[in-house]
Amino acid sequence: VIESTAKGATSGNYYVNLKWNDNSDDESGFEILQATGSTDNFSVI
């Protein structure tokens, strides 16, 4: 889910704050993928 979208008071940059359920106990990490404009161009960011 997207918990919030906020603009940094100092930087002026926008932040999309994500939250999820971790269902595994053997991951070494996660990969967040982003696409802009459509769902055809996801890449790990």
ModelCIF file with pLDDT and N, C-alpha, C, O atoms, coordinates in Angstrom:
data_MODEL
#
_entry.id   MODEL 
#
_entity.id                         1 
_entity.type                       polymer 
_entity.pdbx_number_of_molecules   1 
#
_entity_poly.entity_id                      1 
_entity_poly.type                           'polypeptide(L)' 
_entity_poly.nstd_linkage                   no 
_entity_poly.nstd_monomer                   no 
_entity_poly.pdbx_seq_one_letter_code       VIESTAKGATSGNYYVNLKWNDNSDDESGFEILQATGSTDNFSVI 
_entity_poly.pdbx_seq_one_letter_code_can   VIESTAKGATSGNYYVNLKWNDNSDDESGFEILQATGSTDNFSVI 
_entity_poly.pdbx_strand_id                 A 
#
loop_
_entity_poly_seq.entity_id 
_entity_poly_seq.num 
_entity_poly_seq.mon_id 
_entity_poly_seq.hetero 
1 1  VAL n 
1 2  ILE n 
1 3  GLU n 
1 4  SER n 
1 5  THR n 
1 6  ALA n 
1 7  LYS n 
1 8  GLY n 
1 9  ALA n 
1 10 THR n 
1 11 SER n 
1 12 GLY n 
1 13 ASN n 
1 14 TYR n 
1 15 TYR n 
1 16 VAL n 
1 17 ASN n 
1 18 LEU n 
1 19 LYS n 
1 20 TRP n 
1 21 ASN n 
1 22 ASP n 
1 23 ASN n 
1 24 SER n 
1 25 ASP n 
1 26 ASP n 
1 27 GLU n 
1 28 SER n 
1 29 GLY n 
1 30 PHE n 
1 31 GLU n 
1 32 ILE n 
1 33 LEU n 
1 34 GLN n 
1 35 ALA n 
1 36 THR n 
1 37 GLY n 
1 38 SER n 
1 39 THR n 
1 40 ASP n 
1 41 ASN n 
1 42 PHE n 
1 43 SER n 
1 44 VAL n 
1 45 ILE n 
#
_struct_asym.id          A 
_struct_asym.entity_id   1 
#
loop_
_ma_qa_metric.id 
_ma_qa_metric.mode 
_ma_qa_metric.name 
_ma_qa_metric.software_group_id 
_ma_qa_metric.type 
1 global pLDDT . pLDDT 
2 local  pLDDT . pLDDT 
#
_ma_qa_metric_global.metric_id      1 
_ma_qa_metric_global.metric_value   93.16 
_ma_qa_metric_global.model_id       1 
_ma_qa_metric_global.ordinal_id     1 
#
loop_
_ma_qa_metric_local.label_asym_id 
_ma_qa_metric_local.label_comp_id 
_ma_qa_metric_local.label_seq_id 
_ma_qa_metric_local.metric_id 
_ma_qa_metric_local.metric_value 
_ma_qa_metric_local.model_id 
_ma_qa_metric_local.ordinal_id 
A VAL 1  2 97.00 1 1  
A ILE 2  2 96.00 1 2  
A GLU 3  2 94.00 1 3  
A SER 4  2 92.00 1 4  
A THR 5  2 89.00 1 5  
A ALA 6  2 86.00 1 6  
A LYS 7  2 83.00 1 7  
A GLY 8  2 84.00 1 8  
A ALA 9  2 81.00 1 9  
A THR 10 2 86.00 1 10 
A SER 11 2 85.00 1 11 
A GLY 12 2 82.00 1 12 
A ASN 13 2 90.00 1 13 
A TYR 14 2 90.00 1 14 
A TYR 15 2 92.00 1 15 
A VAL 16 2 95.00 1 16 
A ASN 17 2 96.00 1 17 
A LEU 18 2 97.00 1 18 
A LYS 19 2 97.00 1 19 
A TRP 20 2 98.00 1 20 
A ASN 21 2 98.00 1 21 
A ASP 22 2 97.00 1 22 
A ASN 23 2 97.00 1 23 
A SER 24 2 95.00 1 24 
A ASP 25 2 93.00 1 25 
A ASP 26 2 93.00 1 26 
A GLU 27 2 95.00 1 27 
A SER 28 2 96.00 1 28 
A GLY 29 2 97.00 1 29 
A PHE 30 2 97.00 1 30 
A GLU 31 2 97.00 1 31 
A ILE 32 2 97.00 1 32 
A LEU 33 2 97.00 1 33 
A GLN 34 2 97.00 1 34 
A ALA 35 2 95.00 1 35 
A THR 36 2 92.00 1 36 
A GLY 37 2 89.00 1 37 
A SER 38 2 92.00 1 38 
A THR 39 2 94.00 1 39 
A ASP 40 2 93.00 1 40 
A ASN 41 2 93.00 1 41 
A PHE 42 2 97.00 1 42 
A SER 43 2 97.00 1 43 
A VAL 44 2 97.00 1 44 
A ILE 45 2 97.00 1 45 
#
loop_
_atom_site.group_PDB 
_atom_site.id 
_atom_site.type_symbol 
_atom_site.label_atom_id 
_atom_site.label_alt_id 
_atom_site.label_comp_id 
_atom_site.label_asym_id 
_atom_site.label_entity_id 
_atom_site.label_seq_id 
_atom_site.pdbx_PDB_ins_code 
_atom_site.Cartn_x 
_atom_site.Cartn_y 
_atom_site.Cartn_z 
_atom_site.occupancy 
_atom_site.B_iso_or_equiv 
_atom_site.pdbx_formal_charge 
_atom_site.auth_seq_id 
_atom_site.auth_comp_id 
_atom_site.auth_asym_id 
_atom_site.auth_atom_id 
_atom_site.pdbx_PDB_model_num 
ATOM 1   N N  . VAL A 1 1  ? 0.851  -1.190  0.000   1.00 97.00 ? 1  VAL A N  1 
ATOM 2   C CA . VAL A 1 1  ? 0.000  0.000   0.000   1.00 97.00 ? 1  VAL A CA 1 
ATOM 3   C C  . VAL A 1 1  ? 0.886  1.240   0.000   1.00 97.00 ? 1  VAL A C  1 
ATOM 4   O O  . VAL A 1 1  ? 2.051  1.196   0.395   1.00 97.00 ? 1  VAL A O  1 
ATOM 5   N N  . ILE A 1 2  ? 0.293  2.362   -0.460  1.00 96.00 ? 2  ILE A N  1 
ATOM 6   C CA . ILE A 1 2  ? 0.939  3.670   -0.341  1.00 96.00 ? 2  ILE A CA 1 
ATOM 7   C C  . ILE A 1 2  ? 0.383  4.327   0.908   1.00 96.00 ? 2  ILE A C  1 
ATOM 8   O O  . ILE A 1 2  ? -0.776 4.740   0.942   1.00 96.00 ? 2  ILE A O  1 
ATOM 9   N N  . GLU A 1 3  ? 1.209  4.421   1.922   1.00 94.00 ? 3  GLU A N  1 
ATOM 10  C CA . GLU A 1 3  ? 0.745  5.018   3.182   1.00 94.00 ? 3  GLU A CA 1 
ATOM 11  C C  . GLU A 1 3  ? 0.549  6.518   3.057   1.00 94.00 ? 3  GLU A C  1 
ATOM 12  O O  . GLU A 1 3  ? -0.403 7.064   3.616   1.00 94.00 ? 3  GLU A O  1 
ATOM 13  N N  . SER A 1 4  ? 1.431  7.193   2.337   1.00 92.00 ? 4  SER A N  1 
ATOM 14  C CA . SER A 1 4  ? 1.326  8.641   2.189   1.00 92.00 ? 4  SER A CA 1 
ATOM 15  C C  . SER A 1 4  ? 2.231  9.107   1.066   1.00 92.00 ? 4  SER A C  1 
ATOM 16  O O  . SER A 1 4  ? 3.143  8.400   0.638   1.00 92.00 ? 4  SER A O  1 
ATOM 17  N N  . THR A 1 5  ? 1.954  10.314  0.602   1.00 89.00 ? 5  THR A N  1 
ATOM 18  C CA . THR A 1 5  ? 2.847  11.016  -0.322  1.00 89.00 ? 5  THR A CA 1 
ATOM 19  C C  . THR A 1 5  ? 3.133  12.370  0.297   1.00 89.00 ? 5  THR A C  1 
ATOM 20  O O  . THR A 1 5  ? 2.203  13.114  0.608   1.00 89.00 ? 5  THR A O  1 
ATOM 21  N N  . ALA A 1 6  ? 4.395  12.701  0.480   1.00 86.00 ? 6  ALA A N  1 
ATOM 22  C CA . ALA A 1 6  ? 4.744  13.932  1.195   1.00 86.00 ? 6  ALA A CA 1 
ATOM 23  C C  . ALA A 1 6  ? 5.880  14.644  0.477   1.00 86.00 ? 6  ALA A C  1 
ATOM 24  O O  . ALA A 1 6  ? 6.698  14.034  -0.211  1.00 86.00 ? 6  ALA A O  1 
ATOM 25  N N  . LYS A 1 7  ? 5.896  15.967  0.665   1.00 83.00 ? 7  LYS A N  1 
ATOM 26  C CA . LYS A 1 7  ? 6.963  16.790  0.101   1.00 83.00 ? 7  LYS A CA 1 
ATOM 27  C C  . LYS A 1 7  ? 7.929  17.161  1.214   1.00 83.00 ? 7  LYS A C  1 
ATOM 28  O O  . LYS A 1 7  ? 7.512  17.656  2.261   1.00 83.00 ? 7  LYS A O  1 
ATOM 29  N N  . GLY A 1 8  ? 9.209  16.926  0.996   1.00 84.00 ? 8  GLY A N  1 
ATOM 30  C CA . GLY A 1 8  ? 10.209 17.253  2.000   1.00 84.00 ? 8  GLY A CA 1 
ATOM 31  C C  . GLY A 1 8  ? 10.269 18.742  2.262   1.00 84.00 ? 8  GLY A C  1 
ATOM 32  O O  . GLY A 1 8  ? 10.345 19.536  1.323   1.00 84.00 ? 8  GLY A O  1 
ATOM 33  N N  . ALA A 1 9  ? 10.236 19.132  3.530   1.00 81.00 ? 9  ALA A N  1 
ATOM 34  C CA . ALA A 1 9  ? 10.208 20.546  3.885   1.00 81.00 ? 9  ALA A CA 1 
ATOM 35  C C  . ALA A 1 9  ? 11.500 21.246  3.481   1.00 81.00 ? 9  ALA A C  1 
ATOM 36  O O  . ALA A 1 9  ? 11.479 22.425  3.129   1.00 81.00 ? 9  ALA A O  1 
ATOM 37  N N  . THR A 1 10 ? 12.607 20.544  3.527   1.00 86.00 ? 10 THR A N  1 
ATOM 38  C CA . THR A 1 10 ? 13.903 21.145  3.198   1.00 86.00 ? 10 THR A CA 1 
ATOM 39  C C  . THR A 1 10 ? 14.305 20.881  1.756   1.00 86.00 ? 10 THR A C  1 
ATOM 40  O O  . THR A 1 10 ? 14.686 21.803  1.035   1.00 86.00 ? 10 THR A O  1 
ATOM 41  N N  . SER A 1 11 ? 14.221 19.629  1.337   1.00 85.00 ? 11 SER A N  1 
ATOM 42  C CA . SER A 1 11 ? 14.693 19.256  0.001   1.00 85.00 ? 11 SER A CA 1 
ATOM 43  C C  . SER A 1 11 ? 13.752 19.701  -1.104  1.00 85.00 ? 11 SER A C  1 
ATOM 44  O O  . SER A 1 11 ? 14.187 19.983  -2.221  1.00 85.00 ? 11 SER A O  1 
ATOM 45  N N  . GLY A 1 12 ? 12.442 19.767  -0.791  1.00 82.00 ? 12 GLY A N  1 
ATOM 46  C CA . GLY A 1 12 ? 11.460 20.056  -1.838  1.00 82.00 ? 12 GLY A CA 1 
ATOM 47  C C  . GLY A 1 12 ? 11.144 18.864  -2.699  1.00 82.00 ? 12 GLY A C  1 
ATOM 48  O O  . GLY A 1 12 ? 10.358 18.980  -3.640  1.00 82.00 ? 12 GLY A O  1 
ATOM 49  N N  . ASN A 1 13 ? 11.744 17.687  -2.402  1.00 90.00 ? 13 ASN A N  1 
ATOM 50  C CA . ASN A 1 13 ? 11.471 16.476  -3.165  1.00 90.00 ? 13 ASN A CA 1 
ATOM 51  C C  . ASN A 1 13 ? 10.207 15.797  -2.643  1.00 90.00 ? 13 ASN A C  1 
ATOM 52  O O  . ASN A 1 13 ? 9.844  15.935  -1.475  1.00 90.00 ? 13 ASN A O  1 
ATOM 53  N N  . TYR A 1 14 ? 9.551  15.065  -3.530  1.00 90.00 ? 14 TYR A N  1 
ATOM 54  C CA . TYR A 1 14 ? 8.353  14.313  -3.172  1.00 90.00 ? 14 TYR A CA 1 
ATOM 55  C C  . TYR A 1 14 ? 8.728  12.871  -2.824  1.00 90.00 ? 14 TYR A C  1 
ATOM 56  O O  . TYR A 1 14 ? 9.583  12.269  -3.474  1.00 90.00 ? 14 TYR A O  1 
ATOM 57  N N  . TYR A 1 15 ? 8.077  12.325  -1.790  1.00 92.00 ? 15 TYR A N  1 
ATOM 58  C CA . TYR A 1 15 ? 8.343  10.969  -1.332  1.00 92.00 ? 15 TYR A CA 1 
ATOM 59  C C  . TYR A 1 15 ? 7.046  10.160  -1.330  1.00 92.00 ? 15 TYR A C  1 
ATOM 60  O O  . TYR A 1 15 ? 6.033  10.592  -0.781  1.00 92.00 ? 15 TYR A O  1 
ATOM 61  N N  . VAL A 1 16 ? 7.093  8.983   -1.952  1.00 95.00 ? 16 VAL A N  1 
ATOM 62  C CA . VAL A 1 16 ? 5.983  8.025   -1.889  1.00 95.00 ? 16 VAL A CA 1 
ATOM 63  C C  . VAL A 1 16 ? 6.363  6.991   -0.844  1.00 95.00 ? 16 VAL A C  1 
ATOM 64  O O  . VAL A 1 16 ? 7.333  6.253   -1.021  1.00 95.00 ? 16 VAL A O  1 
ATOM 65  N N  . ASN A 1 17 ? 5.613  6.932   0.235   1.00 96.00 ? 17 ASN A N  1 
ATOM 66  C CA . ASN A 1 17 ? 5.937  6.044   1.358   1.00 96.00 ? 17 ASN A CA 1 
ATOM 67  C C  . ASN A 1 17 ? 5.146  4.741   1.249   1.00 96.00 ? 17 ASN A C  1 
ATOM 68  O O  . ASN A 1 17 ? 3.923  4.727   1.391   1.00 96.00 ? 17 ASN A O  1 
ATOM 69  N N  . LEU A 1 18 ? 5.868  3.646   0.994   1.00 97.00 ? 18 LEU A N  1 
ATOM 70  C CA . LEU A 1 18 ? 5.281  2.326   0.782   1.00 97.00 ? 18 LEU A CA 1 
ATOM 71  C C  . LEU A 1 18 ? 5.298  1.502   2.064   1.00 97.00 ? 18 LEU A C  1 
ATOM 72  O O  . LEU A 1 18 ? 6.145  1.691   2.938   1.00 97.00 ? 18 LEU A O  1 
ATOM 73  N N  . LYS A 1 19 ? 4.333  0.576   2.152   1.00 97.00 ? 19 LYS A N  1 
ATOM 74  C CA . LYS A 1 19 ? 4.291  -0.367  3.278   1.00 97.00 ? 19 LYS A CA 1 
ATOM 75  C C  . LYS A 1 19 ? 3.772  -1.700  2.754   1.00 97.00 ? 19 LYS A C  1 
ATOM 76  O O  . LYS A 1 19 ? 2.935  -1.726  1.852   1.00 97.00 ? 19 LYS A O  1 
ATOM 77  N N  . TRP A 1 20 ? 4.271  -2.831  3.322   1.00 98.00 ? 20 TRP A N  1 
ATOM 78  C CA . TRP A 1 20 ? 3.864  -4.153  2.847   1.00 98.00 ? 20 TRP A CA 1 
ATOM 79  C C  . TRP A 1 20 ? 3.974  -5.179  3.976   1.00 98.00 ? 20 TRP A C  1 
ATOM 80  O O  . TRP A 1 20 ? 4.540  -4.900  5.033   1.00 98.00 ? 20 TRP A O  1 
ATOM 81  N N  . ASN A 1 21 ? 3.425  -6.363  3.732   1.00 98.00 ? 21 ASN A N  1 
ATOM 82  C CA . ASN A 1 21 ? 3.563  -7.493  4.657   1.00 98.00 ? 21 ASN A CA 1 
ATOM 83  C C  . ASN A 1 21 ? 4.741  -8.361  4.210   1.00 98.00 ? 21 ASN A C  1 
ATOM 84  O O  . ASN A 1 21 ? 4.832  -8.741  3.043   1.00 98.00 ? 21 ASN A O  1 
ATOM 85  N N  . ASP A 1 22 ? 5.633  -8.668  5.142   1.00 97.00 ? 22 ASP A N  1 
ATOM 86  C CA . ASP A 1 22 ? 6.772  -9.572  4.896   1.00 97.00 ? 22 ASP A CA 1 
ATOM 87  C C  . ASP A 1 22 ? 6.318  -10.989 5.264   1.00 97.00 ? 22 ASP A C  1 
ATOM 88  O O  . ASP A 1 22 ? 6.127  -11.298 6.440   1.00 97.00 ? 22 ASP A O  1 
ATOM 89  N N  . ASN A 1 23 ? 6.147  -11.848 4.248   1.00 97.00 ? 23 ASN A N  1 
ATOM 90  C CA . ASN A 1 23 ? 5.619  -13.197 4.482   1.00 97.00 ? 23 ASN A CA 1 
ATOM 91  C C  . ASN A 1 23 ? 6.696  -14.281 4.518   1.00 97.00 ? 23 ASN A C  1 
ATOM 92  O O  . ASN A 1 23 ? 6.376  -15.458 4.686   1.00 97.00 ? 23 ASN A O  1 
ATOM 93  N N  . SER A 1 24 ? 7.947  -13.909 4.366   1.00 95.00 ? 24 SER A N  1 
ATOM 94  C CA . SER A 1 24 ? 9.025  -14.906 4.313   1.00 95.00 ? 24 SER A CA 1 
ATOM 95  C C  . SER A 1 24 ? 9.965  -14.717 5.495   1.00 95.00 ? 24 SER A C  1 
ATOM 96  O O  . SER A 1 24 ? 10.032 -13.650 6.105   1.00 95.00 ? 24 SER A O  1 
ATOM 97  N N  . ASP A 1 25 ? 10.697 -15.803 5.798   1.00 93.00 ? 25 ASP A N  1 
ATOM 98  C CA . ASP A 1 25 ? 11.696 -15.716 6.869   1.00 93.00 ? 25 ASP A CA 1 
ATOM 99  C C  . ASP A 1 25 ? 13.089 -16.065 6.359   1.00 93.00 ? 25 ASP A C  1 
ATOM 100 O O  . ASP A 1 25 ? 14.025 -16.246 7.138   1.00 93.00 ? 25 ASP A O  1 
ATOM 101 N N  . ASP A 1 26 ? 13.209 -16.155 5.036   1.00 93.00 ? 26 ASP A N  1 
ATOM 102 C CA . ASP A 1 26 ? 14.502 -16.547 4.479   1.00 93.00 ? 26 ASP A CA 1 
ATOM 103 C C  . ASP A 1 26 ? 14.973 -15.603 3.372   1.00 93.00 ? 26 ASP A C  1 
ATOM 104 O O  . ASP A 1 26 ? 15.869 -15.946 2.601   1.00 93.00 ? 26 ASP A O  1 
ATOM 105 N N  . GLU A 1 27 ? 14.361 -14.399 3.295   1.00 95.00 ? 27 GLU A N  1 
ATOM 106 C CA . GLU A 1 27 ? 14.827 -13.447 2.276   1.00 95.00 ? 27 GLU A CA 1 
ATOM 107 C C  . GLU A 1 27 ? 16.121 -12.795 2.742   1.00 95.00 ? 27 GLU A C  1 
ATOM 108 O O  . GLU A 1 27 ? 16.373 -12.646 3.938   1.00 95.00 ? 27 GLU A O  1 
ATOM 109 N N  . SER A 1 28 ? 16.923 -12.416 1.775   1.00 96.00 ? 28 SER A N  1 
ATOM 110 C CA . SER A 1 28 ? 18.123 -11.630 2.069   1.00 96.00 ? 28 SER A CA 1 
ATOM 111 C C  . SER A 1 28 ? 17.859 -10.140 1.876   1.00 96.00 ? 28 SER A C  1 
ATOM 112 O O  . SER A 1 28 ? 18.678 -9.296  2.242   1.00 96.00 ? 28 SER A O  1 
ATOM 113 N N  . GLY A 1 29 ? 16.719 -9.839  1.302   1.00 97.00 ? 29 GLY A N  1 
ATOM 114 C CA . GLY A 1 29 ? 16.330 -8.452  1.081   1.00 97.00 ? 29 GLY A CA 1 
ATOM 115 C C  . GLY A 1 29 ? 15.125 -8.381  0.169   1.00 97.00 ? 29 GLY A C  1 
ATOM 116 O O  . GLY A 1 29 ? 14.496 -9.396  -0.127  1.00 97.00 ? 29 GLY A O  1 
ATOM 117 N N  . PHE A 1 30 ? 14.810 -7.183  -0.271  1.00 97.00 ? 30 PHE A N  1 
ATOM 118 C CA . PHE A 1 30 ? 13.665 -6.953  -1.161  1.00 97.00 ? 30 PHE A CA 1 
ATOM 119 C C  . PHE A 1 30 ? 14.110 -6.131  -2.362  1.00 97.00 ? 30 PHE A C  1 
ATOM 120 O O  . PHE A 1 30 ? 15.150 -5.473  -2.340  1.00 97.00 ? 30 PHE A O  1 
ATOM 121 N N  . GLU A 1 31 ? 13.302 -6.187  -3.398  1.00 97.00 ? 31 GLU A N  1 
ATOM 122 C CA . GLU A 1 31 ? 13.492 -5.315  -4.557  1.00 97.00 ? 31 GLU A CA 1 
ATOM 123 C C  . GLU A 1 31 ? 12.196 -4.547  -4.797  1.00 97.00 ? 31 GLU A C  1 
ATOM 124 O O  . GLU A 1 31 ? 11.136 -5.140  -4.993  1.00 97.00 ? 31 GLU A O  1 
ATOM 125 N N  . ILE A 1 32 ? 12.298 -3.213  -4.780  1.00 97.00 ? 32 ILE A N  1 
ATOM 126 C CA . ILE A 1 32 ? 11.155 -2.365  -5.125  1.00 97.00 ? 32 ILE A CA 1 
ATOM 127 C C  . ILE A 1 32 ? 11.289 -1.988  -6.584  1.00 97.00 ? 32 ILE A C  1 
ATOM 128 O O  . ILE A 1 32 ? 12.333 -1.507  -7.023  1.00 97.00 ? 32 ILE A O  1 
ATOM 129 N N  . LEU A 1 33 ? 10.216 -2.214  -7.333  1.00 97.00 ? 33 LEU A N  1 
ATOM 130 C CA . LEU A 1 33 ? 10.200 -1.918  -8.764  1.00 97.00 ? 33 LEU A CA 1 
ATOM 131 C C  . LEU A 1 33 ? 9.243  -0.744  -9.014  1.00 97.00 ? 33 LEU A C  1 
ATOM 132 O O  . LEU A 1 33 ? 8.169  -0.656  -8.418  1.00 97.00 ? 33 LEU A O  1 
ATOM 133 N N  . GLN A 1 34 ? 9.659  0.139   -9.900  1.00 97.00 ? 34 GLN A N  1 
ATOM 134 C CA . GLN A 1 34 ? 8.866  1.330   -10.229 1.00 97.00 ? 34 GLN A CA 1 
ATOM 135 C C  . GLN A 1 34 ? 8.675  1.431   -11.731 1.00 97.00 ? 34 GLN A C  1 
ATOM 136 O O  . GLN A 1 34 ? 9.563  1.091   -12.513 1.00 97.00 ? 34 GLN A O  1 
ATOM 137 N N  . ALA A 1 35 ? 7.495  1.907   -12.119 1.00 95.00 ? 35 ALA A N  1 
ATOM 138 C CA . ALA A 1 35 ? 7.217  2.217   -13.525 1.00 95.00 ? 35 ALA A CA 1 
ATOM 139 C C  . ALA A 1 35 ? 6.518  3.569   -13.566 1.00 95.00 ? 35 ALA A C  1 
ATOM 140 O O  . ALA A 1 35 ? 5.808  3.927   -12.627 1.00 95.00 ? 35 ALA A O  1 
ATOM 141 N N  . THR A 1 36 ? 6.710  4.318   -14.638 1.00 92.00 ? 36 THR A N  1 
ATOM 142 C CA . THR A 1 36 ? 6.085  5.626   -14.774 1.00 92.00 ? 36 THR A CA 1 
ATOM 143 C C  . THR A 1 36 ? 5.229  5.659   -16.030 1.00 92.00 ? 36 THR A C  1 
ATOM 144 O O  . THR A 1 36 ? 5.631  5.196   -17.097 1.00 92.00 ? 36 THR A O  1 
ATOM 145 N N  . GLY A 1 37 ? 4.045  6.216   -15.869 1.00 89.00 ? 37 GLY A N  1 
ATOM 146 C CA . GLY A 1 37 ? 3.166  6.398   -17.019 1.00 89.00 ? 37 GLY A CA 1 
ATOM 147 C C  . GLY A 1 37 ? 2.372  5.182   -17.416 1.00 89.00 ? 37 GLY A C  1 
ATOM 148 O O  . GLY A 1 37 ? 1.244  5.311   -17.891 1.00 89.00 ? 37 GLY A O  1 
ATOM 149 N N  . SER A 1 38 ? 2.944  3.975   -17.228 1.00 92.00 ? 38 SER A N  1 
ATOM 150 C CA . SER A 1 38 ? 2.256  2.729   -17.551 1.00 92.00 ? 38 SER A CA 1 
ATOM 151 C C  . SER A 1 38 ? 2.931  1.612   -16.770 1.00 92.00 ? 38 SER A C  1 
ATOM 152 O O  . SER A 1 38 ? 3.950  1.827   -16.114 1.00 92.00 ? 38 SER A O  1 
ATOM 153 N N  . THR A 1 39 ? 2.354  0.415   -16.847 1.00 94.00 ? 39 THR A N  1 
ATOM 154 C CA . THR A 1 39 ? 2.941  -0.734  -16.144 1.00 94.00 ? 39 THR A CA 1 
ATOM 155 C C  . THR A 1 39 ? 3.832  -1.561  -17.068 1.00 94.00 ? 39 THR A C  1 
ATOM 156 O O  . THR A 1 39 ? 4.075  -2.739  -16.804 1.00 94.00 ? 39 THR A O  1 
ATOM 157 N N  . ASP A 1 40 ? 4.320  -0.949  -18.151 1.00 93.00 ? 40 ASP A N  1 
ATOM 158 C CA . ASP A 1 40 ? 5.136  -1.680  -19.121 1.00 93.00 ? 40 ASP A CA 1 
ATOM 159 C C  . ASP A 1 40 ? 6.633  -1.489  -18.914 1.00 93.00 ? 40 ASP A C  1 
ATOM 160 O O  . ASP A 1 40 ? 7.433  -2.085  -19.635 1.00 93.00 ? 40 ASP A O  1 
ATOM 161 N N  . ASN A 1 41 ? 7.023  -0.680  -17.955 1.00 93.00 ? 41 ASN A N  1 
ATOM 162 C CA . ASN A 1 41 ? 8.451  -0.334  -17.870 1.00 93.00 ? 41 ASN A CA 1 
ATOM 163 C C  . ASN A 1 41 ? 8.990  -0.430  -16.445 1.00 93.00 ? 41 ASN A C  1 
ATOM 164 O O  . ASN A 1 41 ? 9.758  0.426   -16.008 1.00 93.00 ? 41 ASN A O  1 
ATOM 165 N N  . PHE A 1 42 ? 8.582  -1.485  -15.718 1.00 97.00 ? 42 PHE A N  1 
ATOM 166 C CA . PHE A 1 42 ? 9.080  -1.658  -14.351 1.00 97.00 ? 42 PHE A CA 1 
ATOM 167 C C  . PHE A 1 42 ? 10.582 -1.900  -14.335 1.00 97.00 ? 42 PHE A C  1 
ATOM 168 O O  . PHE A 1 42 ? 11.118 -2.614  -15.182 1.00 97.00 ? 42 PHE A O  1 
ATOM 169 N N  . SER A 1 43 ? 11.243 -1.305  -13.373 1.00 97.00 ? 43 SER A N  1 
ATOM 170 C CA . SER A 1 43 ? 12.665 -1.580  -13.132 1.00 97.00 ? 43 SER A CA 1 
ATOM 171 C C  . SER A 1 43 ? 12.931 -1.459  -11.641 1.00 97.00 ? 43 SER A C  1 
ATOM 172 O O  . SER A 1 43 ? 12.220 -0.755  -10.925 1.00 97.00 ? 43 SER A O  1 
ATOM 173 N N  . VAL A 1 44 ? 13.965 -2.154  -11.185 1.00 97.00 ? 44 VAL A N  1 
ATOM 174 C CA . VAL A 1 44 ? 14.313 -2.128  -9.768  1.00 97.00 ? 44 VAL A CA 1 
ATOM 175 C C  . VAL A 1 44 ? 14.949 -0.785  -9.438  1.00 97.00 ? 44 VAL A C  1 
ATOM 176 O O  . VAL A 1 44 ? 15.908 -0.366  -10.085 1.00 97.00 ? 44 VAL A O  1 
ATOM 177 N N  . ILE A 1 45 ? 14.401 -0.107  -8.414  1.00 97.00 ? 45 ILE A N  1 
ATOM 178 C CA . ILE A 1 45 ? 14.949 1.204   -8.050  1.00 97.00 ? 45 ILE A CA 1 
ATOM 179 C C  . ILE A 1 45 ? 15.513 1.218   -6.631  1.00 97.00 ? 45 ILE A C  1 
ATOM 180 O O  . ILE A 1 45 ? 16.010 2.247   -6.175  1.00 97.00 ? 45 ILE A O  1 
#
